[in-house]
């Protein structure tokens, strides 16, 4: 996800995307702890996507 794409979305769409990313992060963490995760870089990508979404949400709230 890129910041430009996120800025074009509405707050409701961003909140839905945030919930989806949080679910994905939980699933990845569970897979990592049980040793089932082969692509451990996805944990870092998901964490950064969550941060991007939260940043854009805070920027929109400040407007």
N, C-alpha and C. Protein backbone atom coordinates (compact mmCIF):
# COMPACT_ATOMS: atom_id res chain seq x y z
N UNK A 1 0.83 -1.18 0.00
CA UNK A 1 0.00 0.00 0.00
C UNK A 1 0.88 1.24 0.00
N UNK A 2 0.51 2.18 -0.83
CA UNK A 2 1.27 3.43 -0.88
C UNK A 2 0.46 4.54 -0.23
N UNK A 3 1.17 5.53 0.27
CA UNK A 3 0.51 6.64 0.96
C UNK A 3 -0.43 7.39 0.05
N UNK A 4 -0.05 7.54 -1.22
CA UNK A 4 -0.91 8.26 -2.17
C UNK A 4 -2.24 7.55 -2.35
N UNK A 5 -2.21 6.23 -2.39
CA UNK A 5 -3.45 5.46 -2.53
C UNK A 5 -4.33 5.64 -1.29
N UNK A 6 -3.69 5.68 -0.14
CA UNK A 6 -4.45 5.80 1.11
C UNK A 6 -5.09 7.17 1.24
N UNK A 7 -4.42 8.20 0.79
CA UNK A 7 -4.97 9.56 0.92
C UNK A 7 -6.22 9.76 0.06
N UNK A 8 -6.37 8.95 -0.98
CA UNK A 8 -7.54 9.06 -1.84
C UNK A 8 -8.78 8.40 -1.24
N UNK A 9 -8.58 7.57 -0.22
CA UNK A 9 -9.70 6.84 0.39
C UNK A 9 -10.38 7.69 1.46
N UNK A 10 -11.62 7.33 1.75
CA UNK A 10 -12.37 8.01 2.80
C UNK A 10 -11.96 7.44 4.16
N UNK A 11 -12.37 8.10 5.21
CA UNK A 11 -12.05 7.64 6.56
C UNK A 11 -12.64 6.26 6.84
N UNK A 12 -13.84 6.01 6.35
CA UNK A 12 -14.48 4.71 6.56
C UNK A 12 -13.69 3.60 5.87
N UNK A 13 -13.24 3.88 4.65
CA UNK A 13 -12.45 2.89 3.92
C UNK A 13 -11.11 2.64 4.61
N UNK A 14 -10.53 3.69 5.16
CA UNK A 14 -9.26 3.54 5.88
C UNK A 14 -9.44 2.72 7.15
N UNK A 15 -10.53 2.94 7.86
CA UNK A 15 -10.78 2.17 9.08
C UNK A 15 -11.00 0.70 8.75
N UNK A 16 -11.69 0.43 7.64
CA UNK A 16 -11.90 -0.96 7.22
C UNK A 16 -10.56 -1.59 6.83
N UNK A 17 -9.71 -0.84 6.15
CA UNK A 17 -8.40 -1.35 5.77
C UNK A 17 -7.54 -1.59 7.01
N UNK A 18 -7.67 -0.73 8.00
CA UNK A 18 -6.92 -0.90 9.25
C UNK A 18 -7.33 -2.18 9.97
N UNK A 19 -8.61 -2.42 10.04
CA UNK A 19 -9.11 -3.64 10.68
C UNK A 19 -8.60 -4.88 9.94
N UNK A 20 -8.62 -4.82 8.63
CA UNK A 20 -8.14 -5.95 7.82
C UNK A 20 -6.64 -6.19 8.05
N UNK A 21 -5.86 -5.13 8.11
CA UNK A 21 -4.42 -5.26 8.35
C UNK A 21 -4.14 -5.80 9.75
N UNK A 22 -4.92 -5.36 10.74
CA UNK A 22 -4.74 -5.87 12.09
C UNK A 22 -5.05 -7.36 12.17
N UNK A 23 -6.08 -7.81 11.46
CA UNK A 23 -6.40 -9.24 11.41
C UNK A 23 -5.27 -10.01 10.75
N UNK A 24 -4.74 -9.45 9.67
CA UNK A 24 -3.65 -10.11 8.97
C UNK A 24 -2.41 -10.17 9.87
N UNK A 25 -2.15 -9.11 10.61
CA UNK A 25 -1.01 -9.09 11.52
C UNK A 25 -1.16 -10.18 12.59
N UNK A 26 -2.35 -10.32 13.13
CA UNK A 26 -2.59 -11.35 14.13
C UNK A 26 -2.34 -12.74 13.56
N UNK A 27 -2.88 -12.99 12.36
CA UNK A 27 -2.68 -14.29 11.72
C UNK A 27 -1.21 -14.57 11.44
N UNK A 28 -0.50 -13.56 10.97
CA UNK A 28 0.92 -13.74 10.69
C UNK A 28 1.71 -14.02 11.97
N UNK A 29 1.36 -13.32 13.05
CA UNK A 29 2.05 -13.55 14.32
C UNK A 29 1.80 -14.96 14.83
N UNK A 30 0.59 -15.46 14.66
CA UNK A 30 0.28 -16.83 15.08
C UNK A 30 1.06 -17.84 14.24
N UNK A 31 1.12 -17.61 12.94
CA UNK A 31 1.87 -18.51 12.06
C UNK A 31 3.36 -18.48 12.40
N UNK A 32 3.87 -17.30 12.72
CA UNK A 32 5.28 -17.16 13.06
C UNK A 32 5.60 -17.91 14.35
N UNK A 33 4.72 -17.81 15.33
CA UNK A 33 4.98 -18.46 16.61
C UNK A 33 4.88 -19.98 16.53
N UNK A 34 4.07 -20.49 15.60
CA UNK A 34 3.94 -21.94 15.46
C UNK A 34 4.90 -22.50 14.43
N UNK A 35 5.68 -21.64 13.80
CA UNK A 35 6.67 -22.09 12.83
C UNK A 35 6.12 -22.39 11.45
N UNK A 36 4.94 -21.92 11.14
CA UNK A 36 4.32 -22.20 9.85
C UNK A 36 4.58 -21.11 8.82
N UNK A 37 5.17 -20.00 9.24
CA UNK A 37 5.34 -18.85 8.35
C UNK A 37 6.69 -18.96 7.64
N UNK A 38 6.64 -19.03 6.31
CA UNK A 38 7.86 -19.11 5.51
C UNK A 38 8.33 -17.73 5.08
N UNK A 39 7.42 -16.80 4.95
CA UNK A 39 7.74 -15.45 4.46
C UNK A 39 7.66 -14.48 5.63
N UNK A 40 8.70 -14.46 6.45
CA UNK A 40 8.67 -13.65 7.65
C UNK A 40 8.71 -12.15 7.37
N UNK A 41 9.06 -11.75 6.15
CA UNK A 41 9.08 -10.32 5.80
C UNK A 41 7.68 -9.73 5.76
N UNK A 42 6.67 -10.56 5.64
CA UNK A 42 5.29 -10.05 5.60
C UNK A 42 4.87 -9.43 6.93
N UNK A 43 5.47 -9.88 8.04
CA UNK A 43 5.15 -9.31 9.34
C UNK A 43 5.57 -7.84 9.35
N UNK A 44 6.76 -7.55 8.85
CA UNK A 44 7.26 -6.18 8.80
C UNK A 44 6.43 -5.32 7.85
N UNK A 45 6.07 -5.87 6.70
CA UNK A 45 5.25 -5.13 5.73
C UNK A 45 3.89 -4.78 6.32
N UNK A 46 3.30 -5.70 7.01
CA UNK A 46 1.99 -5.48 7.61
C UNK A 46 2.06 -4.41 8.69
N UNK A 47 3.11 -4.47 9.51
CA UNK A 47 3.28 -3.47 10.57
C UNK A 47 3.43 -2.07 9.98
N UNK A 48 4.17 -1.97 8.90
CA UNK A 48 4.35 -0.66 8.25
C UNK A 48 3.06 -0.19 7.57
N UNK A 49 2.29 -1.10 7.00
CA UNK A 49 1.01 -0.72 6.41
C UNK A 49 0.07 -0.17 7.47
N UNK A 50 0.06 -0.79 8.65
CA UNK A 50 -0.77 -0.31 9.75
C UNK A 50 -0.35 1.10 10.13
N UNK A 51 0.94 1.34 10.21
CA UNK A 51 1.45 2.67 10.57
C UNK A 51 1.06 3.70 9.51
N UNK A 52 1.14 3.33 8.24
CA UNK A 52 0.76 4.26 7.17
C UNK A 52 -0.71 4.63 7.27
N UNK A 53 -1.55 3.62 7.50
CA UNK A 53 -3.00 3.86 7.58
C UNK A 53 -3.30 4.77 8.77
N UNK A 54 -2.69 4.50 9.92
CA UNK A 54 -2.93 5.32 11.10
C UNK A 54 -2.45 6.75 10.88
N UNK A 55 -1.34 6.92 10.19
CA UNK A 55 -0.82 8.25 9.91
C UNK A 55 -1.79 9.04 9.05
N UNK A 56 -2.31 8.42 8.00
CA UNK A 56 -3.25 9.11 7.11
C UNK A 56 -4.55 9.41 7.86
N UNK A 57 -5.00 8.49 8.71
CA UNK A 57 -6.21 8.75 9.49
C UNK A 57 -6.02 9.95 10.42
N UNK A 58 -4.85 10.05 11.05
CA UNK A 58 -4.58 11.18 11.93
C UNK A 58 -4.49 12.49 11.14
N UNK A 59 -3.94 12.43 9.95
CA UNK A 59 -3.86 13.63 9.11
C UNK A 59 -5.24 14.09 8.70
N UNK A 60 -6.11 13.13 8.37
CA UNK A 60 -7.47 13.49 7.98
C UNK A 60 -8.26 14.05 9.16
N UNK A 61 -7.99 13.54 10.36
CA UNK A 61 -8.68 14.03 11.56
C UNK A 61 -8.26 15.45 11.89
N UNK A 62 -7.04 15.82 11.54
CA UNK A 62 -6.55 17.15 11.83
C UNK A 62 -7.03 18.21 10.86
N UNK A 63 -7.60 17.80 9.76
CA UNK A 63 -8.07 18.76 8.76
C UNK A 63 -9.38 19.39 9.16
